Amino acid sequence: MKVVLKKYVTGKAEESDMEVVATEEEAAVLKKVPEGSKDAVVLKNLYLSCDPYMRSRMTKHDPPSYNPDFVPGEVITGFGVSKVVDSTHPNFKVGDLVWGTTGWEEYTLITNPLILFKINHPDMPLSYYTGILGMPGFTAYVGFHEIASPKKGEYVFISAAAGAVGQLVGQFAKILGCYVVGAAGSDEKVGLLKSKFGFDDAFNYKKEPDLSLALKRCFPEGIDIYFENVGGAMLEAVLDNMRLHGRISACGMISQYNLLEPEGIRNIVQIIPKRIRMEGFIVSDHFANYRKFEETAVQYIKEGKITYVEDIAEGLEKAPSALIGLFEGKNVGKQVVVVSHG
C-alpha cells in the first residue's frame, strides 16, 4: 500500500488529490535491496509525519522551489520513523531505527542514506522522532534560539501555538524565562497552551474580531519576538504591536498555502521605524547541529521541563485525511500517521 499524488493542486488541497493504492510488488521483493545496488537501505516505515510544508510540494513550481515538487502518480514523501530491514550501506545495519525522509508507503528503498539520522534514544517513544525529537522539534529550537536571538524576560508571541512546532517554541521560551502568549484555533487548544504547555496567556483567534486589539490586550508593552507560523492578517496585527528592535522568526505561513493569490501585508513599512528584523529559515540548513539539539531535548523530556501532545491517525489509509486536516485545524498537537507498530 502507498499514497500517491493524483494531480498537481491549485487552490485548496483536498483528500481526493491523493490516492491510496495497492502495491504491485510482492512483500519479499520490497524488503530487499535490488541486486547490484550499493550503499542503499530498505526501510519498513513505522510512523509518518504530516507537515504543512507538504502542501507546497503538491503544486507545480516554475522556477523550482527549494523543496522538490511531488510528481503525480508517484509516492508522496515526507519525514518519518523507520526500521532498516535490508542494507548494503556500511553505516546502517538491519534492525537500526532511523528518522528522515521516506515514502508514504509500507517499505521504501533509500539510495541516499545520508538523509537519514540514526535514532540514538530508542527508549523514547519512537513517534517523538516525527515531532519533538525530529524535524518539528529541531525547527522550533533553531527558529527560536538561533534565528530570534532571545533574551530572558522578553515578550514572545507564537501563532499556531498548539501545533507541532508552536507548542515547543513556547516551552523553550518559558525555560529561558520569557513571557509567552500563543494563538490557536479552538478553546480546547487554548486550554492546552495554558494548562499543559505553561504559556502565560493564550487566545482563540477565531473569536477575536480585531487581532491587533487582542495582541494589545496580551502585550500592553509590545512584542519582542514573534514566531511566525501563519502569515496574512496575523502578521499584520503583529507588526502593529512589535517593539523597537523586535525579531520575527518566519517558520511558515499556513494561512497562505491554499490561496490562489497570496495576501499582501499592508503595513510591512513598520519594519523600518521599529527596526524590526524578520528572517526566514529552512531547518535542513542547520542539520549539522541536530545531535546537540537531540541530547538537549531528551534531557528536557527526562527532567519534565517539556511535554508534548500528539494526534495519532492509525493506518496508512488515513494519511490523506490527516494531512488535509492540518489546514482545517482538526489536529490537536503533532499529527502522526501510524503505519506499523514494529
C-alpha atoms as a PDB file:
ATOM      1  CA  MET A   1       0.000   0.000   0.000  1.00  0.00           C
ATOM      2  CA  LYS A   2       1.194   3.540  -0.787  1.00  0.00           C
ATOM      3  CA  VAL A   3      -0.142   7.085  -1.074  1.00  0.00           C
ATOM      4  CA  VAL A   4       0.381   8.887  -4.395  1.00  0.00           C
ATOM      5  CA  LEU A   5      -0.404  12.379  -5.675  1.00  0.00           C
ATOM      6  CA  LYS A   6      -3.113  12.134  -8.337  1.00  0.00           C
ATOM      7  CA  LYS A   7      -2.593  15.569  -9.890  1.00  0.00           C
ATOM      8  CA  TYR A   8      -0.963  18.918  -9.200  1.00  0.00           C
ATOM      9  CA  VAL A   9      -3.051  21.131  -6.952  1.00  0.00           C
ATOM     10  CA  THR A  10      -4.079  24.749  -7.389  1.00  0.00           C
ATOM     11  CA  GLY A  11      -6.056  26.429  -4.642  1.00  0.00           C
ATOM     12  CA  LYS A  12      -7.331  24.352  -1.749  1.00  0.00           C
ATOM     13  CA  ALA A  13      -5.918  20.849  -1.393  1.00  0.00           C
ATOM     14  CA  GLU A  14      -8.405  18.006  -0.885  1.00  0.00           C
ATOM     15  CA  GLU A  15      -8.159  14.379   0.147  1.00  0.00           C
ATOM     16  CA  SER A  16      -9.202  13.488  -3.400  1.00  0.00           C
ATOM     17  CA  ASP A  17      -5.932  14.969  -4.707  1.00  0.00           C
ATOM     18  CA  MET A  18      -4.231  11.902  -3.217  1.00  0.00           C
ATOM     19  CA  GLU A  19      -4.933   8.215  -3.671  1.00  0.00           C
ATOM     20  CA  VAL A  20      -4.177   5.136  -1.594  1.00  0.00           C
ATOM     21  CA  VAL A  21      -3.173   2.366  -3.997  1.00  0.00           C
ATOM     22  CA  ALA A  22      -2.184  -1.272  -3.641  1.00  0.00           C
ATOM     23  CA  THR A  23       1.500  -2.064  -4.119  1.00  0.00           C
ATOM     24  CA  GLU A  24       2.056  -4.436  -7.032  1.00  0.00           C
ATOM     25  CA  GLU A  25       5.387  -5.871  -5.915  1.00  0.00           C
ATOM     26  CA  GLU A  26       5.429  -8.835  -3.569  1.00  0.00           C
ATOM     27  CA  ALA A  27       6.459  -8.143   0.019  1.00  0.00           C
ATOM     28  CA  ALA A  28       9.588 -10.279  -0.330  1.00  0.00           C
ATOM     29  CA  VAL A  29      10.789  -8.077  -3.199  1.00  0.00           C
ATOM     30  CA  LEU A  30      10.012  -4.835  -1.385  1.00  0.00           C
ATOM     31  CA  LYS A  31      12.066  -5.894   1.638  1.00  0.00           C
ATOM     32  CA  LYS A  32      15.338  -6.431  -0.259  1.00  0.00           C
ATOM     33  CA  VAL A  33      17.854  -4.003  -1.741  1.00  0.00           C
ATOM     34  CA  PRO A  34      17.920  -4.685  -5.510  1.00  0.00           C
ATOM     35  CA  GLU A  35      20.800  -6.810  -6.771  1.00  0.00           C
ATOM     36  CA  GLY A  36      23.844  -4.660  -7.501  1.00  0.00           C
ATOM     37  CA  SER A  37      22.672  -1.605  -5.545  1.00  0.00           C
ATOM     38  CA  LYS A  38      25.456  -0.305  -3.323  1.00  0.00           C
ATOM     39  CA  ASP A  39      25.108   1.963  -0.292  1.00  0.00           C
ATOM     40  CA  ALA A  40      21.332   1.562  -0.175  1.00  0.00           C
ATOM     41  CA  VAL A  41      18.838   0.585   2.517  1.00  0.00           C
ATOM     42  CA  VAL A  42      15.266  -0.686   2.597  1.00  0.00           C
ATOM     43  CA  LEU A  43      13.114   0.800   5.340  1.00  0.00           C
ATOM     44  CA  LYS A  44       9.996  -0.542   6.991  1.00  0.00           C
ATOM     45  CA  ASN A  45       8.058   2.610   7.766  1.00  0.00           C
ATOM     46  CA  LEU A  46       6.605   2.862  11.266  1.00  0.00           C
ATOM     47  CA  TYR A  47       5.429   6.473  11.734  1.00  0.00           C
ATOM     48  CA  LEU A  48       4.852   9.234   9.184  1.00  0.00           C
ATOM     49  CA  SER A  49       4.845  12.960   9.849  1.00  0.00           C
ATOM     50  CA  CYS A  50       2.162  15.268   8.427  1.00  0.00           C
ATOM     51  CA  ASP A  51       3.625  18.760   7.997  1.00  0.00           C
ATOM     52  CA  PRO A  52       2.274  21.999   6.479  1.00  0.00           C
ATOM     53  CA  TYR A  53       5.232  22.417   4.083  1.00  0.00           C
ATOM     54  CA  MET A  54       3.983  19.351   2.191  1.00  0.00           C
ATOM     55  CA  ARG A  55       1.103  21.388   0.743  1.00  0.00           C
ATOM     56  CA  SER A  56       3.573  23.452  -1.298  1.00  0.00           C
ATOM     57  CA  ARG A  57       5.051  20.280  -2.787  1.00  0.00           C
ATOM     58  CA  MET A  58       1.624  19.356  -4.201  1.00  0.00           C
ATOM     59  CA  THR A  59       1.781  22.325  -6.591  1.00  0.00           C
ATOM     60  CA  LYS A  60       3.953  22.617  -9.700  1.00  0.00           C
ATOM     61  CA  HIS A  61       6.558  25.368  -9.287  1.00  0.00           C
ATOM     62  CA  ASP A  62       8.370  27.187 -12.071  1.00  0.00           C
ATOM     63  CA  PRO A  63      11.075  28.084 -11.234  1.00  0.00           C
ATOM     64  CA  PRO A  64      11.517  25.118  -8.849  1.00  0.00           C
ATOM     65  CA  SER A  65      11.062  25.574  -5.108  1.00  0.00           C
ATOM     66  CA  TYR A  66      13.747  24.763  -2.531  1.00  0.00           C
ATOM     67  CA  ASN A  67      11.882  21.501  -1.878  1.00  0.00           C
ATOM     68  CA  PRO A  68      11.155  19.381  -4.988  1.00  0.00           C
ATOM     69  CA  ASP A  69       7.544  19.128  -6.093  1.00  0.00           C
ATOM     70  CA  PHE A  70       5.767  15.808  -5.749  1.00  0.00           C
ATOM     71  CA  VAL A  71       5.200  14.011  -9.054  1.00  0.00           C
ATOM     72  CA  PRO A  72       1.674  12.916  -9.987  1.00  0.00           C
ATOM     73  CA  GLY A  73       1.405   9.144  -9.944  1.00  0.00           C
ATOM     74  CA  GLU A  74       4.426   8.734  -7.683  1.00  0.00           C
ATOM     75  CA  VAL A  75       4.550   8.098  -3.941  1.00  0.00           C
ATOM     76  CA  ILE A  76       4.379  11.094  -1.613  1.00  0.00           C
ATOM     77  CA  THR A  77       7.463  11.573   0.554  1.00  0.00           C
ATOM     78  CA  GLY A  78       7.976  13.223   3.926  1.00  0.00           C
ATOM     79  CA  PHE A  79       9.624  12.791   7.283  1.00  0.00           C
ATOM     80  CA  GLY A  80       9.101   9.554   9.136  1.00  0.00           C
ATOM     81  CA  VAL A  81      10.450   6.965  11.554  1.00  0.00           C
ATOM     82  CA  SER A  82      11.532   3.632  10.112  1.00  0.00           C
ATOM     83  CA  LYS A  83      13.391   0.391  10.752  1.00  0.00           C
ATOM     84  CA  VAL A  84      16.160  -0.854   8.448  1.00  0.00           C
ATOM     85  CA  VAL A  85      15.185  -4.298   7.054  1.00  0.00           C
ATOM     86  CA  ASP A  86      17.974  -4.628   4.468  1.00  0.00           C
ATOM     87  CA  SER A  87      21.183  -2.709   3.838  1.00  0.00           C
ATOM     88  CA  THR A  88      24.230  -2.574   1.592  1.00  0.00           C
ATOM     89  CA  HIS A  89      25.467   0.604   3.302  1.00  0.00           C
ATOM     90  CA  PRO A  90      28.352   0.240   5.782  1.00  0.00           C
ATOM     91  CA  ASN A  91      26.821   2.727   8.257  1.00  0.00           C
ATOM     92  CA  PHE A  92      23.426   1.033   8.528  1.00  0.00           C
ATOM     93  CA  LYS A  93      22.607  -2.494   9.622  1.00  0.00           C
ATOM     94  CA  VAL A  94      19.397  -4.499   9.752  1.00  0.00           C
ATOM     95  CA  GLY A  95      17.398  -3.508  12.816  1.00  0.00           C
ATOM     96  CA  ASP A  96      18.649   0.086  13.016  1.00  0.00           C
ATOM     97  CA  LEU A  97      15.963   2.636  13.852  1.00  0.00           C
ATOM     98  CA  VAL A  98      16.176   5.865  11.843  1.00  0.00           C
ATOM     99  CA  TRP A  99      14.282   9.041  11.088  1.00  0.00           C
ATOM    100  CA  GLY A 100      14.425  11.188   7.964  1.00  0.00           C
ATOM    101  CA  THR A 101      12.818  11.453   4.534  1.00  0.00           C
ATOM    102  CA  THR A 102      10.920   8.367   3.464  1.00  0.00           C
ATOM    103  CA  GLY A 103       7.916   7.377   1.366  1.00  0.00           C
ATOM    104  CA  TRP A 104       4.254   7.268   2.326  1.00  0.00           C
ATOM    105  CA  GLU A 105       4.242   3.505   1.859  1.00  0.00           C
ATOM    106  CA  GLU A 106       4.951   0.350   3.827  1.00  0.00           C
ATOM    107  CA  TYR A 107       8.524  -0.176   2.569  1.00  0.00           C
ATOM    108  CA  THR A 108      10.877   2.368   0.990  1.00  0.00           C
ATOM    109  CA  LEU A 109      14.164   1.928  -0.872  1.00  0.00           C
ATOM    110  CA  ILE A 110      16.599   4.710   0.056  1.00  0.00           C
ATOM    111  CA  THR A 111      19.577   5.103  -2.262  1.00  0.00           C
ATOM    112  CA  ASN A 112      20.986   8.103  -0.383  1.00  0.00           C
ATOM    113  CA  PRO A 113      21.005   7.143   3.318  1.00  0.00           C
ATOM    114  CA  LEU A 114      22.855  10.354   4.178  1.00  0.00           C
ATOM    115  CA  ILE A 115      19.385  11.906   4.535  1.00  0.00           C
ATOM    116  CA  LEU A 116      18.711   9.555   7.483  1.00  0.00           C
ATOM    117  CA  PHE A 117      19.545  10.033  11.167  1.00  0.00           C
ATOM    118  CA  LYS A 118      20.060   7.034  13.403  1.00  0.00           C
ATOM    119  CA  ILE A 119      17.858   7.180  16.488  1.00  0.00           C
ATOM    120  CA  ASN A 120      20.160   7.477  19.492  1.00  0.00           C
ATOM    121  CA  HIS A 121      17.447   7.209  22.135  1.00  0.00           C
ATOM    122  CA  PRO A 122      15.161   4.254  21.315  1.00  0.00           C
ATOM    123  CA  ASP A 123      13.990   4.368  24.933  1.00  0.00           C
ATOM    124  CA  MET A 124      11.961   7.458  23.981  1.00  0.00           C
ATOM    125  CA  PRO A 125       8.576   6.927  22.239  1.00  0.00           C
ATOM    126  CA  LEU A 126       9.605   6.358  18.607  1.00  0.00           C
ATOM    127  CA  SER A 127       6.814   8.629  17.326  1.00  0.00           C
ATOM    128  CA  TYR A 128       8.600  11.514  19.061  1.00  0.00           C
ATOM    129  CA  TYR A 129      11.116  11.401  16.215  1.00  0.00           C
ATOM    130  CA  THR A 130       8.381  12.687  13.887  1.00  0.00           C
ATOM    131  CA  GLY A 131       7.973  15.643  16.230  1.00  0.00           C
ATOM    132  CA  ILE A 132       9.652  16.753  19.434  1.00  0.00           C
ATOM    133  CA  LEU A 133      12.902  14.867  18.662  1.00  0.00           C
ATOM    134  CA  GLY A 134      12.667  15.173  14.870  1.00  0.00           C
ATOM    135  CA  MET A 135      12.236  17.890  12.277  1.00  0.00           C
ATOM    136  CA  PRO A 136       9.492  19.920  14.061  1.00  0.00           C
ATOM    137  CA  GLY A 137      11.353  19.936  17.374  1.00  0.00           C
ATOM    138  CA  PHE A 138      14.599  20.948  15.732  1.00  0.00           C
ATOM    139  CA  THR A 139      12.707  23.612  13.750  1.00  0.00           C
ATOM    140  CA  ALA A 140      11.351  25.079  16.990  1.00  0.00           C
ATOM    141  CA  TYR A 141      14.804  25.057  18.574  1.00  0.00           C
ATOM    142  CA  VAL A 142      16.599  26.636  15.600  1.00  0.00           C
ATOM    143  CA  GLY A 143      13.879  29.187  14.894  1.00  0.00           C
ATOM    144  CA  PHE A 144      13.733  30.361  18.471  1.00  0.00           C
ATOM    145  CA  HIS A 145      17.289  30.095  19.769  1.00  0.00           C
ATOM    146  CA  GLU A 146      19.316  30.741  16.613  1.00  0.00           C
ATOM    147  CA  ILE A 147      17.077  32.954  14.471  1.00  0.00           C
ATOM    148  CA  ALA A 148      15.224  35.011  17.102  1.00  0.00           C
ATOM    149  CA  SER A 149      18.226  35.524  19.453  1.00  0.00           C
ATOM    150  CA  PRO A 150      16.047  35.569  22.603  1.00  0.00           C
ATOM    151  CA  LYS A 151      16.898  37.063  25.982  1.00  0.00           C
ATOM    152  CA  LYS A 152      15.473  36.300  29.401  1.00  0.00           C
ATOM    153  CA  GLY A 153      12.428  38.427  30.205  1.00  0.00           C
ATOM    154  CA  GLU A 154      11.448  39.206  26.617  1.00  0.00           C
ATOM    155  CA  TYR A 155       7.859  39.111  25.354  1.00  0.00           C
ATOM    156  CA  VAL A 156       7.221  36.235  22.914  1.00  0.00           C
ATOM    157  CA  PHE A 157       4.176  35.606  20.722  1.00  0.00           C
ATOM    158  CA  ILE A 158       3.596  32.375  18.785  1.00  0.00           C
ATOM    159  CA  SER A 159       0.907  31.771  16.169  1.00  0.00           C
ATOM    160  CA  ALA A 160      -0.434  28.243  15.513  1.00  0.00           C
ATOM    161  CA  ALA A 161       0.888  27.714  19.004  1.00  0.00           C
ATOM    162  CA  ALA A 162      -0.730  24.318  19.653  1.00  0.00           C
ATOM    163  CA  GLY A 163       0.841  22.736  16.586  1.00  0.00           C
ATOM    164  CA  ALA A 164       3.896  20.507  16.343  1.00  0.00           C
ATOM    165  CA  VAL A 165       6.348  23.428  16.322  1.00  0.00           C
ATOM    166  CA  GLY A 166       4.486  26.111  18.261  1.00  0.00           C
ATOM    167  CA  GLN A 167       3.921  24.073  21.425  1.00  0.00           C
ATOM    168  CA  LEU A 168       7.685  23.554  21.694  1.00  0.00           C
ATOM    169  CA  VAL A 169       8.698  27.131  20.919  1.00  0.00           C
ATOM    170  CA  GLY A 170       6.556  28.252  23.833  1.00  0.00           C
ATOM    171  CA  GLN A 171       8.156  25.771  26.199  1.00  0.00           C
ATOM    172  CA  PHE A 172      11.684  26.664  25.095  1.00  0.00           C
ATOM    173  CA  ALA A 173      10.819  30.323  25.699  1.00  0.00           C
ATOM    174  CA  LYS A 174       9.484  29.570  29.184  1.00  0.00           C
ATOM    175  CA  ILE A 175      12.647  27.626  30.078  1.00  0.00           C
ATOM    176  CA  LEU A 176      14.646  30.715  29.106  1.00  0.00           C
ATOM    177  CA  GLY A 177      12.450  32.941  31.295  1.00  0.00           C
ATOM    178  CA  CYS A 178      10.352  34.764  28.694  1.00  0.00           C
ATOM    179  CA  TYR A 179       6.717  35.895  28.871  1.00  0.00           C
ATOM    180  CA  VAL A 180       4.847  33.751  26.344  1.00  0.00           C
ATOM    181  CA  VAL A 181       1.462  34.096  24.646  1.00  0.00           C
ATOM    182  CA  GLY A 182       0.064  31.825  21.943  1.00  0.00           C
ATOM    183  CA  ALA A 183      -2.810  31.934  19.468  1.00  0.00           C
ATOM    184  CA  ALA A 184      -4.756  28.828  18.484  1.00  0.00           C
ATOM    185  CA  GLY A 185      -7.981  27.995  16.676  1.00  0.00           C
ATOM    186  CA  SER A 186     -10.139  26.402  19.374  1.00  0.00           C
ATOM    187  CA  ASP A 187     -10.899  26.765  23.072  1.00  0.00           C
ATOM    188  CA  GLU A 188      -9.568  23.230  23.617  1.00  0.00           C
ATOM    189  CA  LYS A 189      -6.199  24.218  22.173  1.00  0.00           C
ATOM    190  CA  VAL A 190      -6.121  27.448  24.185  1.00  0.00           C
ATOM    191  CA  GLY A 191      -6.694  25.389  27.312  1.00  0.00           C
ATOM    192  CA  LEU A 192      -3.797  23.097  26.425  1.00  0.00           C
ATOM    193  CA  LEU A 193      -1.454  26.032  25.897  1.00  0.00           C
ATOM    194  CA  LYS A 194      -2.127  27.390  29.373  1.00  0.00           C
ATOM    195  CA  SER A 195      -2.623  24.204  31.401  1.00  0.00           C
ATOM    196  CA  LYS A 196      -0.231  21.717  29.771  1.00  0.00           C
ATOM    197  CA  PHE A 197       2.441  23.764  27.990  1.00  0.00           C
ATOM    198  CA  GLY A 198       2.782  26.535  30.560  1.00  0.00           C
ATOM    199  CA  PHE A 199       2.029  29.562  28.359  1.00  0.00           C
ATOM    200  CA  ASP A 200       1.362  32.730  30.344  1.00  0.00           C
ATOM    201  CA  ASP A 201      -1.679  33.514  28.210  1.00  0.00           C
ATOM    202  CA  ALA A 202      -3.400  32.389  25.011  1.00  0.00           C
ATOM    203  CA  PHE A 203      -6.419  33.282  22.893  1.00  0.00           C
ATOM    204  CA  ASN A 204      -8.692  31.739  20.276  1.00  0.00           C
ATOM    205  CA  TYR A 205      -8.055  33.869  17.189  1.00  0.00           C
ATOM    206  CA  LYS A 206     -11.362  32.763  15.653  1.00  0.00           C
ATOM    207  CA  LYS A 207     -13.211  34.542  18.470  1.00  0.00           C
ATOM    208  CA  GLU A 208     -11.287  37.810  18.170  1.00  0.00           C
ATOM    209  CA  PRO A 209     -12.953  40.430  15.933  1.00  0.00           C
ATOM    210  CA  ASP A 210      -9.759  42.505  15.951  1.00  0.00           C
ATOM    211  CA  LEU A 211      -6.440  40.626  16.151  1.00  0.00           C
ATOM    212  CA  SER A 212      -4.440  43.784  16.745  1.00  0.00           C
ATOM    213  CA  LEU A 213      -6.550  44.654  19.788  1.00  0.00           C
ATOM    214  CA  ALA A 214      -6.227  41.093  21.062  1.00  0.00           C
ATOM    215  CA  LEU A 215      -2.455  41.405  20.921  1.00  0.00           C
ATOM    216  CA  LYS A 216      -2.545  44.809  22.622  1.00  0.00           C
ATOM    217  CA  ARG A 217      -4.548  43.201  25.415  1.00  0.00           C
ATOM    218  CA  CYS A 218      -1.969  40.431  25.835  1.00  0.00           C
ATOM    219  CA  PHE A 219       1.095  42.606  25.259  1.00  0.00           C
ATOM    220  CA  PRO A 220       0.416  46.137  26.544  1.00  0.00           C
ATOM    221  CA  GLU A 221       4.155  46.859  26.262  1.00  0.00           C
ATOM    222  CA  GLY A 222       4.537  45.213  22.849  1.00  0.00           C
ATOM    223  CA  ILE A 223       6.138  42.063  21.400  1.00  0.00           C
ATOM    224  CA  ASP A 224       9.885  41.401  21.280  1.00  0.00           C
ATOM    225  CA  ILE A 225       9.794  38.096  19.375  1.00  0.00           C
ATOM    226  CA  TYR A 226       7.151  36.750  17.024  1.00  0.00           C
ATOM    227  CA  PHE A 227       7.461  33.110  15.927  1.00  0.00           C
ATOM    228  CA  GLU A 228       5.617  33.196  12.612  1.00  0.00           C
ATOM    229  CA  ASN A 229       3.622  30.137  11.528  1.00  0.00           C
ATOM    230  CA  VAL A 230       0.554  31.752   9.953  1.00  0.00           C
ATOM    231  CA  GLY A 231       1.107  34.917   7.883  1.00  0.00           C
ATOM    232  CA  GLY A 232      -1.697  37.069   6.471  1.00  0.00           C
ATOM    233  CA  ALA A 233      -3.871  39.023   8.899  1.00  0.00           C
ATOM    234  CA  MET A 234      -1.989  37.678  11.911  1.00  0.00           C
ATOM    235  CA  LEU A 235       1.314  39.039  10.630  1.00  0.00           C
ATOM    236  CA  GLU A 236      -0.278  42.447  10.026  1.00  0.00           C
ATOM    237  CA  ALA A 237      -1.630  42.514  13.581  1.00  0.00           C
ATOM    238  CA  VAL A 238       1.767  41.531  14.978  1.00  0.00           C
ATOM    239  CA  LEU A 239       3.561  44.312  13.080  1.00  0.00           C
ATOM    240  CA  ASP A 240       1.207  46.805  14.753  1.00  0.00           C
ATOM    241  CA  ASN A 241       2.360  45.516  18.141  1.00  0.00           C
ATOM    242  CA  MET A 242       6.074  44.880  17.732  1.00  0.00           C
ATOM    243  CA  ARG A 243       8.536  46.715  19.955  1.00  0.00           C
ATOM    244  CA  LEU A 244      11.620  48.534  18.731  1.00  0.00           C
ATOM    245  CA  HIS A 245      14.319  46.112  17.558  1.00  0.00           C
ATOM    246  CA  GLY A 246      11.854  43.204  17.616  1.00  0.00           C
ATOM    247  CA  ARG A 247      12.604  39.976  15.778  1.00  0.00           C
ATOM    248  CA  ILE A 248      10.326  37.834  13.635  1.00  0.00           C
ATOM    249  CA  SER A 249      11.390  34.244  13.050  1.00  0.00           C
ATOM    250  CA  ALA A 250       9.491  33.182   9.924  1.00  0.00           C
ATOM    251  CA  CYS A 251       8.966  29.424  10.051  1.00  0.00           C
ATOM    252  CA  GLY A 252       5.823  29.093   7.923  1.00  0.00           C
ATOM    253  CA  MET A 253       2.661  30.848   6.722  1.00  0.00           C
ATOM    254  CA  ILE A 254      -0.040  28.198   6.726  1.00  0.00           C
ATOM    255  CA  SER A 255      -2.838  30.697   6.016  1.00  0.00           C
ATOM    256  CA  GLN A 256      -1.363  31.282   2.553  1.00  0.00           C
ATOM    257  CA  TYR A 257      -0.733  27.759   1.293  1.00  0.00           C
ATOM    258  CA  ASN A 258      -4.189  27.081  -0.157  1.00  0.00           C
ATOM    259  CA  LEU A 259      -4.688  30.556  -1.693  1.00  0.00           C
ATOM    260  CA  LEU A 260      -4.566  31.117  -5.446  1.00  0.00           C
ATOM    261  CA  GLU A 261      -3.253  34.633  -4.801  1.00  0.00           C
ATOM    262  CA  PRO A 262      -1.176  35.157  -1.628  1.00  0.00           C
ATOM    263  CA  GLU A 263      -2.255  38.063   0.571  1.00  0.00           C
ATOM    264  CA  GLY A 264      -0.119  41.180   0.749  1.00  0.00           C
ATOM    265  CA  ILE A 265       1.000  42.676   4.054  1.00  0.00           C
ATOM    266  CA  ARG A 266      -0.285  46.246   4.017  1.00  0.00           C
ATOM    267  CA  ASN A 267       1.738  47.572   6.959  1.00  0.00           C
ATOM    268  CA  ILE A 268       5.118  45.995   6.186  1.00  0.00           C
ATOM    269  CA  VAL A 269       6.584  49.511   6.277  1.00  0.00           C
ATOM    270  CA  GLN A 270       6.583  49.230  10.073  1.00  0.00           C
ATOM    271  CA  ILE A 271       9.764  47.142   9.972  1.00  0.00           C
ATOM    272  CA  ILE A 272      11.627  50.372   9.142  1.00  0.00           C
ATOM    273  CA  PRO A 273      10.777  52.777  12.011  1.00  0.00           C
ATOM    274  CA  LYS A 274      10.588  49.893  14.508  1.00  0.00           C
ATOM    275  CA  ARG A 275      13.941  48.470  13.290  1.00  0.00           C
ATOM    276  CA  ILE A 276      12.401  45.001  13.098  1.00  0.00           C
ATOM    277  CA  ARG A 277      14.484  42.092  11.828  1.00  0.00           C
ATOM    278  CA  MET A 278      12.427  39.459  10.004  1.00  0.00           C
ATOM    279  CA  GLU A 279      14.258  36.314   8.911  1.00  0.00           C
ATOM    280  CA  GLY A 280      13.044  33.157   7.238  1.00  0.00           C
ATOM    281  CA  PHE A 281      14.880  29.883   7.649  1.00  0.00           C
ATOM    282  CA  ILE A 282      14.988  26.320   6.326  1.00  0.00           C
ATOM    283  CA  VAL A 283      15.708  23.799   9.055  1.00  0.00           C
ATOM    284  CA  SER A 284      17.724  21.469   6.823  1.00  0.00           C
ATOM    285  CA  ASP A 285      20.385  24.189   6.571  1.00  0.00           C
ATOM    286  CA  HIS A 286      21.073  23.524  10.264  1.00  0.00           C
ATOM    287  CA  PHE A 287      21.096  19.705  10.339  1.00  0.00           C
ATOM    288  CA  ALA A 288      24.808  19.675  11.197  1.00  0.00           C
ATOM    289  CA  ASN A 289      23.782  20.803  14.697  1.00  0.00           C
ATOM    290  CA  TYR A 290      20.990  18.257  15.137  1.00  0.00           C
ATOM    291  CA  ARG A 291      22.809  15.930  17.558  1.00  0.00           C
ATOM    292  CA  LYS A 292      23.371  18.736  20.064  1.00  0.00           C
ATOM    293  CA  PHE A 293      19.655  19.512  19.958  1.00  0.00           C
ATOM    294  CA  GLU A 294      18.690  15.830  20.331  1.00  0.00           C
ATOM    295  CA  GLU A 295      20.655  15.487  23.563  1.00  0.00           C
ATOM    296  CA  THR A 296      19.271  18.757  24.930  1.00  0.00           C
ATOM    297  CA  ALA A 297      15.671  17.822  24.116  1.00  0.00           C
ATOM    298  CA  VAL A 298      15.965  14.303  25.561  1.00  0.00           C
ATOM    299  CA  GLN A 299      17.323  15.783  28.783  1.00  0.00           C
ATOM    300  CA  TYR A 300      14.441  18.280  28.932  1.00  0.00           C
ATOM    301  CA  ILE A 301      11.942  15.435  28.485  1.00  0.00           C
ATOM    302  CA  LYS A 302      13.538  13.292  31.186  1.00  0.00           C
ATOM    303  CA  GLU A 303      13.615  16.249  33.587  1.00  0.00           C
ATOM    304  CA  GLY A 304       9.969  17.069  32.890  1.00  0.00           C
ATOM    305  CA  LYS A 305      10.832  20.517  31.525  1.00  0.00           C
ATOM    306  CA  ILE A 306       8.947  19.981  28.265  1.00  0.00           C
ATOM    307  CA  THR A 307       5.922  17.903  27.343  1.00  0.00           C
ATOM    308  CA  TYR A 308       4.332  17.021  24.027  1.00  0.00           C
ATOM    309  CA  VAL A 309       0.909  16.250  22.562  1.00  0.00           C
ATOM    310  CA  GLU A 310       0.393  14.046  19.513  1.00  0.00           C
ATOM    311  CA  ASP A 311      -2.677  13.492  17.345  1.00  0.00           C
ATOM    312  CA  ILE A 312      -2.458   9.888  16.134  1.00  0.00           C
ATOM    313  CA  ALA A 313      -4.083   8.514  12.956  1.00  0.00           C
ATOM    314  CA  GLU A 314      -3.926   4.710  12.742  1.00  0.00           C
ATOM    315  CA  GLY A 315      -3.234   3.221   9.320  1.00  0.00           C
ATOM    316  CA  LEU A 316      -1.583   4.415   6.117  1.00  0.00           C
ATOM    317  CA  GLU A 317      -5.005   4.797   4.505  1.00  0.00           C
ATOM    318  CA  LYS A 318      -5.701   7.632   6.974  1.00  0.00           C
ATOM    319  CA  ALA A 319      -2.703   9.685   5.783  1.00  0.00           C
ATOM    320  CA  PRO A 320      -4.511  11.854   3.185  1.00  0.00           C
ATOM    321  CA  SER A 321      -7.237  12.952   5.606  1.00  0.00           C
ATOM    322  CA  ALA A 322      -4.666  13.538   8.353  1.00  0.00           C
ATOM    323  CA  LEU A 323      -2.608  15.817   6.101  1.00  0.00           C
ATOM    324  CA  ILE A 324      -5.589  17.829   4.864  1.00  0.00           C
ATOM    325  CA  GLY A 325      -6.804  18.170   8.446  1.00  0.00           C
ATOM    326  CA  LEU A 326      -3.781  20.335   9.237  1.00  0.00           C
ATOM    327  CA  PHE A 327      -5.167  23.115   7.070  1.00  0.00           C
ATOM    328  CA  GLU A 328      -8.584  22.897   8.692  1.00  0.00           C
ATOM    329  CA  GLY A 329      -7.244  22.985  12.247  1.00  0.00           C
ATOM    330  CA  LYS A 330      -8.537  19.498  13.041  1.00  0.00           C
ATOM    331  CA  ASN A 331      -5.355  18.225  14.680  1.00  0.00           C
ATOM    332  CA  VAL A 332      -4.597  18.798  18.348  1.00  0.00           C
ATOM    333  CA  GLY A 333      -0.823  18.625  18.630  1.00  0.00           C
ATOM    334  CA  LYS A 334       1.588  16.880  16.299  1.00  0.00           C
ATOM    335  CA  GLN A 335      -0.195  14.949  13.522  1.00  0.00           C
ATOM    336  CA  VAL A 336       1.289  11.460  13.214  1.00  0.00           C
ATOM    337  CA  VAL A 337       0.245   8.551  10.993  1.00  0.00           C
ATOM    338  CA  VAL A 338       0.979   5.046  12.297  1.00  0.00           C
ATOM    339  CA  VAL A 339       1.944   2.645   9.504  1.00  0.00           C
ATOM    340  CA  SER A 340       3.204  -0.140  11.754  1.00  0.00           C
ATOM    341  CA  HIS A 341       3.930  -0.512  15.473  1.00  0.00           C
ATOM    342  CA  GLY A 342       7.071  -2.573  14.886  1.00  0.00           C
END
